[in-house]
Amino acid sequence: MITPNKSIPLKDSILYKCIYILEKDFESIYLVDLYKAVISKFDGIDEFLYSIDVLFLLNLVDVDFELGKISRC
């Protein structure tokens, strides 16, 4: 589900769903508010968190765990 393969099309992969987060216009936002804004695009909170992880590893977002905020790099 994270990466596309023979049985998982690109549209259903986490790599593709990261686009939904990047399309939102924010400089800094609470994770809860961001999830509420994109909840219809994800099948569950686990996919959302995987997408946040991927974006963090790619250095596209920064996560402040104390405040629960995410910001663009």
PDB file of N, CA and C in Angstrom:
ATOM      1  N   MET A   1       0.813  -1.191   0.000  1.00  0.00           N
ATOM      2  CA  MET A   1       0.000   0.000   0.000  1.00  0.00           C
ATOM      3  C   MET A   1       0.859   1.258   0.000  1.00  0.00           C
ATOM      4  N   ILE A   2       2.066   1.145   0.481  1.00  0.00           N
ATOM      5  CA  ILE A   2       2.921   2.325   0.523  1.00  0.00           C
ATOM      6  C   ILE A   2       3.462   2.653  -0.864  1.00  0.00           C
ATOM      7  N   THR A   3       3.947   1.640  -1.543  1.00  0.00           N
ATOM      8  CA  THR A   3       4.489   1.868  -2.878  1.00  0.00           C
ATOM      9  C   THR A   3       3.673   1.091  -3.898  1.00  0.00           C
ATOM     10  N   PRO A   4       3.576   1.601  -5.101  1.00  0.00           N
ATOM     11  CA  PRO A   4       2.820   0.885  -6.127  1.00  0.00           C
ATOM     12  C   PRO A   4       3.558  -0.372  -6.580  1.00  0.00           C
ATOM     13  N   ASN A   5       2.798  -1.388  -6.933  1.00  0.00           N
ATOM     14  CA  ASN A   5       3.364  -2.614  -7.502  1.00  0.00           C
ATOM     15  C   ASN A   5       2.327  -3.213  -8.436  1.00  0.00           C
ATOM     16  N   LYS A   6       2.442  -4.497  -8.751  1.00  0.00           N
ATOM     17  CA  LYS A   6       1.507  -5.116  -9.693  1.00  0.00           C
ATOM     18  C   LYS A   6       0.067  -5.079  -9.194  1.00  0.00           C
ATOM     19  N   SER A   7      -0.117  -5.284  -7.908  1.00  0.00           N
ATOM     20  CA  SER A   7      -1.478  -5.360  -7.378  1.00  0.00           C
ATOM     21  C   SER A   7      -1.992  -4.036  -6.805  1.00  0.00           C
ATOM     22  N   ILE A   8      -1.110  -3.077  -6.553  1.00  0.00           N
ATOM     23  CA  ILE A   8      -1.509  -1.778  -6.007  1.00  0.00           C
ATOM     24  C   ILE A   8      -1.220  -0.697  -7.044  1.00  0.00           C
ATOM     25  N   PRO A   9      -2.275  -0.100  -7.587  1.00  0.00           N
ATOM     26  CA  PRO A   9      -2.055   0.962  -8.579  1.00  0.00           C
ATOM     27  C   PRO A   9      -1.474   2.221  -7.923  1.00  0.00           C
ATOM     28  N   LEU A  10      -0.897   3.046  -8.734  1.00  0.00           N
ATOM     29  CA  LEU A  10      -0.271   4.275  -8.242  1.00  0.00           C
ATOM     30  C   LEU A  10      -1.265   5.138  -7.468  1.00  0.00           C
ATOM     31  N   LYS A  11      -2.503   5.222  -7.919  1.00  0.00           N
ATOM     32  CA  LYS A  11      -3.508   6.067  -7.260  1.00  0.00           C
ATOM     33  C   LYS A  11      -3.822   5.627  -5.838  1.00  0.00           C
ATOM     34  N   ASP A  12      -3.580   4.371  -5.518  1.00  0.00           N
ATOM     35  CA  ASP A  12      -3.880   3.855  -4.183  1.00  0.00           C
ATOM     36  C   ASP A  12      -2.653   3.803  -3.282  1.00  0.00           C
ATOM     37  N   SER A  13      -1.517   4.244  -3.765  1.00  0.00           N
ATOM     38  CA  SER A  13      -0.288   4.167  -2.976  1.00  0.00           C
ATOM     39  C   SER A  13      -0.114   5.416  -2.106  1.00  0.00           C
ATOM     40  N   ILE A  14       0.665   5.285  -1.080  1.00  0.00           N
ATOM     41  CA  ILE A  14       0.945   6.402  -0.180  1.00  0.00           C
ATOM     42  C   ILE A  14       1.722   7.493  -0.912  1.00  0.00           C
ATOM     43  N   LEU A  15       2.591   7.099  -1.814  1.00  0.00           N
ATOM     44  CA  LEU A  15       3.368   8.090  -2.564  1.00  0.00           C
ATOM     45  C   LEU A  15       2.451   9.047  -3.323  1.00  0.00           C
ATOM     46  N   TYR A  16       1.371   8.533  -3.870  1.00  0.00           N
ATOM     47  CA  TYR A  16       0.424   9.374  -4.593  1.00  0.00           C
ATOM     48  C   TYR A  16      -0.414  10.212  -3.624  1.00  0.00           C
ATOM     49  N   LYS A  17      -0.793   9.638  -2.501  1.00  0.00           N
ATOM     50  CA  LYS A  17      -1.657  10.335  -1.552  1.00  0.00           C
ATOM     51  C   LYS A  17      -0.926  11.469  -0.834  1.00  0.00           C
ATOM     52  N   CYS A  18       0.392  11.481  -0.871  1.00  0.00           N
ATOM     53  CA  CYS A  18       1.147  12.606  -0.311  1.00  0.00           C
ATOM     54  C   CYS A  18       0.808  13.901  -1.040  1.00  0.00           C
ATOM     55  N   ILE A  19       0.418  13.783  -2.285  1.00  0.00           N
ATOM     56  CA  ILE A  19       0.074  14.960  -3.082  1.00  0.00           C
ATOM     57  C   ILE A  19      -1.085  15.722  -2.453  1.00  0.00           C
ATOM     58  N   TYR A  20      -2.050  15.002  -1.870  1.00  0.00           N
ATOM     59  CA  TYR A  20      -3.207  15.652  -1.268  1.00  0.00           C
ATOM     60  C   TYR A  20      -2.796  16.571  -0.118  1.00  0.00           C
ATOM     61  N   ILE A  21      -1.783  16.175   0.615  1.00  0.00           N
ATOM     62  CA  ILE A  21      -1.290  17.012   1.717  1.00  0.00           C
ATOM     63  C   ILE A  21      -0.543  18.217   1.159  1.00  0.00           C
ATOM     64  N   LEU A  22       0.270  17.991   0.153  1.00  0.00           N
ATOM     65  CA  LEU A  22       1.052  19.087  -0.420  1.00  0.00           C
ATOM     66  C   LEU A  22       0.170  20.103  -1.154  1.00  0.00           C
ATOM     67  N   GLU A  23      -0.995  19.675  -1.630  1.00  0.00           N
ATOM     68  CA  GLU A  23      -1.897  20.597  -2.324  1.00  0.00           C
ATOM     69  C   GLU A  23      -2.557  21.594  -1.386  1.00  0.00           C
ATOM     70  N   LYS A  24      -2.644  21.280  -0.118  1.00  0.00           N
ATOM     71  CA  LYS A  24      -3.264  22.195   0.843  1.00  0.00           C
ATOM     72  C   LYS A  24      -2.364  23.404   1.046  1.00  0.00           C
ATOM     73  N   ASP A  25      -2.993  24.553   1.116  1.00  0.00           N
ATOM     74  CA  ASP A  25      -2.259  25.803   1.275  1.00  0.00           C
ATOM     75  C   ASP A  25      -2.089  26.102   2.761  1.00  0.00           C
ATOM     76  N   PHE A  26      -0.898  25.817   3.273  1.00  0.00           N
ATOM     77  CA  PHE A  26      -0.610  26.092   4.682  1.00  0.00           C
ATOM     78  C   PHE A  26       0.877  26.373   4.847  1.00  0.00           C
ATOM     79  N   GLU A  27       1.184  27.186   5.798  1.00  0.00           N
ATOM     80  CA  GLU A  27       2.572  27.431   6.187  1.00  0.00           C
ATOM     81  C   GLU A  27       2.870  26.616   7.436  1.00  0.00           C
ATOM     82  N   SER A  28       1.946  26.663   8.383  1.00  0.00           N
ATOM     83  CA  SER A  28       2.024  25.891   9.607  1.00  0.00           C
ATOM     84  C   SER A  28       0.595  25.580  10.044  1.00  0.00           C
ATOM     85  N   ILE A  29       0.329  24.316  10.376  1.00  0.00           N
ATOM     86  CA  ILE A  29      -1.032  23.899  10.703  1.00  0.00           C
ATOM     87  C   ILE A  29      -0.963  22.757  11.708  1.00  0.00           C
ATOM     88  N   TYR A  30      -1.981  22.670  12.555  1.00  0.00           N
ATOM     89  CA  TYR A  30      -2.072  21.543  13.477  1.00  0.00           C
ATOM     90  C   TYR A  30      -2.378  20.281  12.677  1.00  0.00           C
ATOM     91  N   LEU A  31      -1.800  19.164  13.111  1.00  0.00           N
ATOM     92  CA  LEU A  31      -2.015  17.898  12.421  1.00  0.00           C
ATOM     93  C   LEU A  31      -3.493  17.523  12.390  1.00  0.00           C
ATOM     94  N   VAL A  32      -4.211  17.795  13.450  1.00  0.00           N
ATOM     95  CA  VAL A  32      -5.645  17.482  13.507  1.00  0.00           C
ATOM     96  C   VAL A  32      -6.407  18.271  12.451  1.00  0.00           C
ATOM     97  N   ASP A  33      -6.085  19.547  12.310  1.00  0.00           N
ATOM     98  CA  ASP A  33      -6.764  20.380  11.320  1.00  0.00           C
ATOM     99  C   ASP A  33      -6.430  19.939   9.895  1.00  0.00           C
ATOM    100  N   LEU A  34      -5.188  19.558   9.673  1.00  0.00           N
ATOM    101  CA  LEU A  34      -4.793  19.072   8.351  1.00  0.00           C
ATOM    102  C   LEU A  34      -5.507  17.767   8.038  1.00  0.00           C
ATOM    103  N   TYR A  35      -5.599  16.892   9.018  1.00  0.00           N
ATOM    104  CA  TYR A  35      -6.308  15.619   8.801  1.00  0.00           C
ATOM    105  C   TYR A  35      -7.780  15.864   8.485  1.00  0.00           C
ATOM    106  N   LYS A  36      -8.404  16.802   9.177  1.00  0.00           N
ATOM    107  CA  LYS A  36      -9.808  17.124   8.901  1.00  0.00           C
ATOM    108  C   LYS A  36      -9.979  17.663   7.487  1.00  0.00           C
ATOM    109  N   ALA A  37      -8.967  18.365   6.985  1.00  0.00           N
ATOM    110  CA  ALA A  37      -9.054  18.951   5.646  1.00  0.00           C
ATOM    111  C   ALA A  37      -8.894  17.914   4.537  1.00  0.00           C
ATOM    112  N   VAL A  38      -8.199  16.815   4.812  1.00  0.00           N
ATOM    113  CA  VAL A  38      -7.935  15.813   3.771  1.00  0.00           C
ATOM    114  C   VAL A  38      -8.531  14.449   4.098  1.00  0.00           C
ATOM    115  N   ILE A  39      -9.391  14.374   5.083  1.00  0.00           N
ATOM    116  CA  ILE A  39      -9.920  13.085   5.546  1.00  0.00           C
ATOM    117  C   ILE A  39     -10.626  12.301   4.439  1.00  0.00           C
ATOM    118  N   SER A  40     -11.238  12.994   3.507  1.00  0.00           N
ATOM    119  CA  SER A  40     -11.973  12.303   2.444  1.00  0.00           C
ATOM    120  C   SER A  40     -11.042  11.628   1.428  1.00  0.00           C
ATOM    121  N   LYS A  41      -9.798  12.012   1.396  1.00  0.00           N
ATOM    122  CA  LYS A  41      -8.842  11.467   0.427  1.00  0.00           C
ATOM    123  C   LYS A  41      -8.137  10.211   0.926  1.00  0.00           C
ATOM    124  N   PHE A  42      -8.212   9.941   2.226  1.00  0.00           N
ATOM    125  CA  PHE A  42      -7.503   8.816   2.826  1.00  0.00           C
ATOM    126  C   PHE A  42      -8.494   7.774   3.338  1.00  0.00           C
ATOM    127  N   ASP A  43      -8.085   6.514   3.309  1.00  0.00           N
ATOM    128  CA  ASP A  43      -8.935   5.428   3.789  1.00  0.00           C
ATOM    129  C   ASP A  43      -8.913   5.310   5.305  1.00  0.00           C
ATOM    130  N   GLY A  44      -7.936   5.913   5.939  1.00  0.00           N
ATOM    131  CA  GLY A  44      -7.837   5.860   7.387  1.00  0.00           C
ATOM    132  C   GLY A  44      -6.711   6.734   7.880  1.00  0.00           C
ATOM    133  N   ILE A  45      -6.634   6.858   9.185  1.00  0.00           N
ATOM    134  CA  ILE A  45      -5.598   7.720   9.767  1.00  0.00           C
ATOM    135  C   ILE A  45      -4.211   7.118   9.562  1.00  0.00           C
ATOM    136  N   ASP A  46      -4.131   5.802   9.424  1.00  0.00           N
ATOM    137  CA  ASP A  46      -2.824   5.179   9.205  1.00  0.00           C
ATOM    138  C   ASP A  46      -2.216   5.620   7.878  1.00  0.00           C
ATOM    139  N   GLU A  47      -3.024   5.738   6.825  1.00  0.00           N
ATOM    140  CA  GLU A  47      -2.511   6.224   5.542  1.00  0.00           C
ATOM    141  C   GLU A  47      -2.055   7.676   5.653  1.00  0.00           C
ATOM    142  N   PHE A  48      -2.804   8.471   6.393  1.00  0.00           N
ATOM    143  CA  PHE A  48      -2.424   9.868   6.604  1.00  0.00           C
ATOM    144  C   PHE A  48      -1.082   9.961   7.316  1.00  0.00           C
ATOM    145  N   LEU A  49      -0.895   9.171   8.352  1.00  0.00           N
ATOM    146  CA  LEU A  49       0.365   9.205   9.106  1.00  0.00           C
ATOM    147  C   LEU A  49       1.533   8.673   8.285  1.00  0.00           C
ATOM    148  N   TYR A  50       1.294   7.654   7.473  1.00  0.00           N
ATOM    149  CA  TYR A  50       2.344   7.181   6.568  1.00  0.00           C
ATOM    150  C   TYR A  50       2.750   8.281   5.592  1.00  0.00           C
ATOM    151  N   SER A  51       1.762   9.025   5.107  1.00  0.00           N
ATOM    152  CA  SER A  51       2.054  10.124   4.174  1.00  0.00           C
ATOM    153  C   SER A  51       2.870  11.217   4.855  1.00  0.00           C
ATOM    154  N   ILE A  52       2.535  11.536   6.091  1.00  0.00           N
ATOM    155  CA  ILE A  52       3.311  12.528   6.845  1.00  0.00           C
ATOM    156  C   ILE A  52       4.738  12.029   7.026  1.00  0.00           C
ATOM    157  N   ASP A  53       4.895  10.741   7.331  1.00  0.00           N
ATOM    158  CA  ASP A  53       6.232  10.159   7.487  1.00  0.00           C
ATOM    159  C   ASP A  53       7.048  10.270   6.207  1.00  0.00           C
ATOM    160  N   VAL A  54       6.428   9.949   5.083  1.00  0.00           N
ATOM    161  CA  VAL A  54       7.132  10.022   3.801  1.00  0.00           C
ATOM    162  C   VAL A  54       7.548  11.455   3.497  1.00  0.00           C
ATOM    163  N   LEU A  55       6.648  12.391   3.701  1.00  0.00           N
ATOM    164  CA  LEU A  55       6.976  13.798   3.447  1.00  0.00           C
ATOM    165  C   LEU A  55       8.073  14.294   4.386  1.00  0.00           C
ATOM    166  N   PHE A  56       8.070  13.816   5.617  1.00  0.00           N
ATOM    167  CA  PHE A  56       9.124  14.192   6.572  1.00  0.00           C
ATOM    168  C   PHE A  56      10.471  13.627   6.127  1.00  0.00           C
ATOM    169  N   LEU A  57      10.482  12.372   5.689  1.00  0.00           N
ATOM    170  CA  LEU A  57      11.730  11.757   5.226  1.00  0.00           C
ATOM    171  C   LEU A  57      12.267  12.422   3.971  1.00  0.00           C
ATOM    172  N   LEU A  58      11.374  12.939   3.147  1.00  0.00           N
ATOM    173  CA  LEU A  58      11.793  13.653   1.937  1.00  0.00           C
ATOM    174  C   LEU A  58      12.144  15.108   2.215  1.00  0.00           C
ATOM    175  N   ASN A  59      12.056  15.516   3.484  1.00  0.00           N
ATOM    176  CA  ASN A  59      12.379  16.868   3.928  1.00  0.00           C
ATOM    177  C   ASN A  59      11.473  17.917   3.275  1.00  0.00           C
ATOM    178  N   LEU A  60      10.205  17.558   3.095  1.00  0.00           N
ATOM    179  CA  LEU A  60       9.239  18.492   2.537  1.00  0.00           C
ATOM    180  C   LEU A  60       8.393  19.140   3.621  1.00  0.00           C
ATOM    181  N   VAL A  61       8.307  18.492   4.775  1.00  0.00           N
ATOM    182  CA  VAL A  61       7.580  19.056   5.918  1.00  0.00           C
ATOM    183  C   VAL A  61       8.414  18.853   7.172  1.00  0.00           C
ATOM    184  N   ASP A  62       8.120  19.669   8.161  1.00  0.00           N
ATOM    185  CA  ASP A  62       8.747  19.546   9.473  1.00  0.00           C
ATOM    186  C   ASP A  62       7.640  19.389  10.500  1.00  0.00           C
ATOM    187  N   VAL A  63       7.818  18.457  11.437  1.00  0.00           N
ATOM    188  CA  VAL A  63       6.786  18.166  12.425  1.00  0.00           C
ATOM    189  C   VAL A  63       7.299  18.561  13.801  1.00  0.00           C
ATOM    190  N   ASP A  64       6.503  19.368  14.511  1.00  0.00           N
ATOM    191  CA  ASP A  64       6.800  19.728  15.892  1.00  0.00           C
ATOM    192  C   ASP A  64       5.895  18.862  16.776  1.00  0.00           C
ATOM    193  N   PHE A  65       6.494  17.847  17.393  1.00  0.00           N
ATOM    194  CA  PHE A  65       5.717  16.882  18.158  1.00  0.00           C
ATOM    195  C   PHE A  65       5.186  17.461  19.463  1.00  0.00           C
ATOM    196  N   GLU A  66       5.855  18.440  20.011  1.00  0.00           N
ATOM    197  CA  GLU A  66       5.387  19.047  21.257  1.00  0.00           C
ATOM    198  C   GLU A  66       4.112  19.851  21.040  1.00  0.00           C
ATOM    199  N   LEU A  67       4.046  20.581  19.942  1.00  0.00           N
ATOM    200  CA  LEU A  67       2.867  21.405  19.640  1.00  0.00           C
ATOM    201  C   LEU A  67       1.844  20.674  18.777  1.00  0.00           C
ATOM    202  N   GLY A  68       2.264  19.582  18.125  1.00  0.00           N
ATOM    203  CA  GLY A  68       1.368  18.877  17.233  1.00  0.00           C
ATOM    204  C   GLY A  68       1.125  19.633  15.942  1.00  0.00           C
ATOM    205  N   LYS A  69       2.144  20.366  15.497  1.00  0.00           N
ATOM    206  CA  LYS A  69       2.024  21.175  14.282  1.00  0.00           C
ATOM    207  C   LYS A  69       2.932  20.646  13.188  1.00  0.00           C
ATOM    208  N   ILE A  70       2.523  20.894  11.974  1.00  0.00           N
ATOM    209  CA  ILE A  70       3.316  20.538  10.813  1.00  0.00           C
ATOM    210  C   ILE A  70       3.526  21.803   9.991  1.00  0.00           C
ATOM    211  N   SER A  71       4.729  21.974   9.458  1.00  0.00           N
ATOM    212  CA  SER A  71       5.014  23.150   8.639  1.00  0.00           C
ATOM    213  C   SER A  71       5.822  22.726   7.426  1.00  0.00           C
ATOM    214  N   ARG A  72       5.708  23.524   6.385  1.00  0.00           N
ATOM    215  CA  ARG A  72       6.473  23.243   5.162  1.00  0.00           C
ATOM    216  C   ARG A  72       7.933  23.635   5.358  1.00  0.00           C
ATOM    217  N   CYS A  73       8.801  22.909   4.735  1.00  0.00           N
ATOM    218  CA  CYS A  73      10.236  23.232   4.795  1.00  0.00           C
ATOM    219  C   CYS A  73      10.595  24.234   3.712  1.00  0.00           C
TER     220      CYS A  73
END
